[in-house]
Amino acid sequence: MSKAALATITGMAVVTYATRASGLWLGDRLKLGPRLDALLVGLPGVILVSLVAPAMVAAGLPGLAGGVGAVLTALWRRGNIVLPMVVGVGIVGVLRMLT
């Protein structure tokens, strides 16, 4: 391994650790307001949607219908994560077989 590669890997490790450690350090010292707390609670869902939405749009009508079915199922059965996934994948599968 070259010295440049070793220095690059070490630098990336230090930056990654510093980012995580500073987040923990700041999290212990900052007082969160109700708005920021609500934003942080909803952040995982937003990140998931931002990762899944482009694939749904790229899949066309079956993908969009599966996404809508999954969202409606999730709203109907709150707290259940498996059922909306099964419904969404099922809708996409059926629509792909029909077209």
Protein backbone atom coordinates (compact mmCIF):
# COMPACT_ATOMS: atom_id res chain seq x y z
CA MET A 1 0.00 0.00 0.00
CA SER A 2 1.35 3.41 -0.91
CA LYS A 3 1.90 6.16 1.63
CA ALA A 4 -0.65 8.37 -0.13
CA ALA A 5 -3.35 5.70 0.12
CA LEU A 6 -2.57 5.09 3.79
CA ALA A 7 -2.66 8.83 4.52
CA THR A 8 -5.98 9.18 2.67
CA ILE A 9 -7.60 6.29 4.56
CA THR A 10 -6.29 7.60 7.88
CA GLY A 11 -7.53 11.10 7.11
CA MET A 12 -10.99 9.83 6.18
CA ALA A 13 -11.17 7.79 9.38
CA VAL A 14 -10.19 10.82 11.50
CA VAL A 15 -12.75 13.06 9.79
CA THR A 16 -15.50 10.44 10.15
CA TYR A 17 -14.73 9.94 13.84
CA ALA A 18 -14.56 13.70 14.47
CA THR A 19 -17.93 14.22 12.78
CA ARG A 20 -19.61 11.55 14.89
CA ALA A 21 -17.90 12.53 18.13
CA SER A 22 -18.72 16.22 17.67
CA GLY A 23 -22.37 15.33 17.04
CA LEU A 24 -22.51 13.41 20.32
CA TRP A 25 -20.66 16.20 22.12
CA LEU A 26 -23.03 18.87 20.77
CA GLY A 27 -26.08 16.72 21.42
CA ASP A 28 -25.25 16.56 25.11
CA ARG A 29 -24.79 20.32 25.38
CA LEU A 30 -27.53 21.81 23.21
CA LYS A 31 -31.07 22.38 24.40
CA LEU A 32 -33.43 21.43 21.60
CA GLY A 33 -36.57 23.42 21.05
CA PRO A 34 -39.84 21.65 20.28
CA ARG A 35 -39.62 22.47 16.56
CA LEU A 36 -36.09 21.08 16.15
CA ASP A 37 -37.00 18.04 18.23
CA ALA A 38 -40.01 17.36 15.98
CA LEU A 39 -37.79 17.76 12.91
CA LEU A 40 -35.26 15.25 14.23
CA VAL A 41 -38.01 12.75 15.07
CA GLY A 42 -39.35 12.87 11.52
CA LEU A 43 -35.96 12.80 9.80
CA PRO A 44 -35.60 8.99 9.36
CA GLY A 45 -38.89 8.83 7.46
CA VAL A 46 -37.89 11.71 5.21
CA ILE A 47 -34.56 10.07 4.43
CA LEU A 48 -36.30 6.79 3.58
CA VAL A 49 -38.73 8.54 1.25
CA SER A 50 -35.89 10.39 -0.48
CA LEU A 51 -34.18 7.06 -1.16
CA VAL A 52 -37.28 5.17 -2.31
CA ALA A 53 -39.15 7.85 -4.31
CA PRO A 54 -36.78 7.97 -7.32
CA ALA A 55 -37.01 4.19 -7.74
CA MET A 56 -40.81 4.35 -7.54
CA VAL A 57 -40.96 7.05 -10.22
CA ALA A 58 -38.51 5.14 -12.42
CA ALA A 59 -40.72 2.03 -12.16
CA GLY A 60 -43.61 3.92 -13.76
CA LEU A 61 -47.25 3.29 -12.94
CA PRO A 62 -46.68 0.00 -11.07
CA GLY A 63 -44.08 1.67 -8.84
CA LEU A 64 -46.29 4.66 -8.10
CA ALA A 65 -49.33 2.48 -7.42
CA GLY A 66 -47.25 0.26 -5.12
CA GLY A 67 -45.97 3.32 -3.27
CA VAL A 68 -49.47 4.71 -2.81
CA GLY A 69 -50.70 1.32 -1.63
CA ALA A 70 -47.84 1.06 0.85
CA VAL A 71 -48.47 4.55 2.21
CA LEU A 72 -52.20 3.95 2.60
CA THR A 73 -51.54 0.63 4.34
CA ALA A 74 -49.02 2.28 6.65
CA LEU A 75 -51.57 4.95 7.56
CA TRP A 76 -54.20 2.28 8.18
CA ARG A 77 -51.96 -0.01 10.26
CA ARG A 78 -49.63 2.31 12.13
CA GLY A 79 -46.59 0.70 13.71
CA ASN A 80 -46.54 -2.24 11.32
CA ILE A 81 -43.62 -1.98 8.91
CA VAL A 82 -43.89 -5.36 7.20
CA LEU A 83 -47.50 -5.17 5.98
CA PRO A 84 -47.05 -1.96 3.93
CA MET A 85 -43.94 -3.40 2.29
CA VAL A 86 -45.78 -6.61 1.39
CA VAL A 87 -48.75 -4.67 0.01
CA GLY A 88 -46.52 -2.36 -2.04
CA VAL A 89 -44.45 -5.18 -3.50
CA GLY A 90 -47.62 -7.17 -4.16
CA ILE A 91 -49.22 -4.31 -6.08
CA VAL A 92 -46.08 -3.80 -8.16
CA GLY A 93 -45.87 -7.52 -8.89
CA VAL A 94 -49.50 -7.84 -9.95
CA LEU A 95 -49.38 -4.73 -12.14
CA ARG A 96 -46.18 -5.90 -13.82
CA MET A 97 -47.77 -9.27 -14.58
CA LEU A 98 -50.81 -7.55 -16.10
CA THR A 99 -48.83 -5.23 -18.35
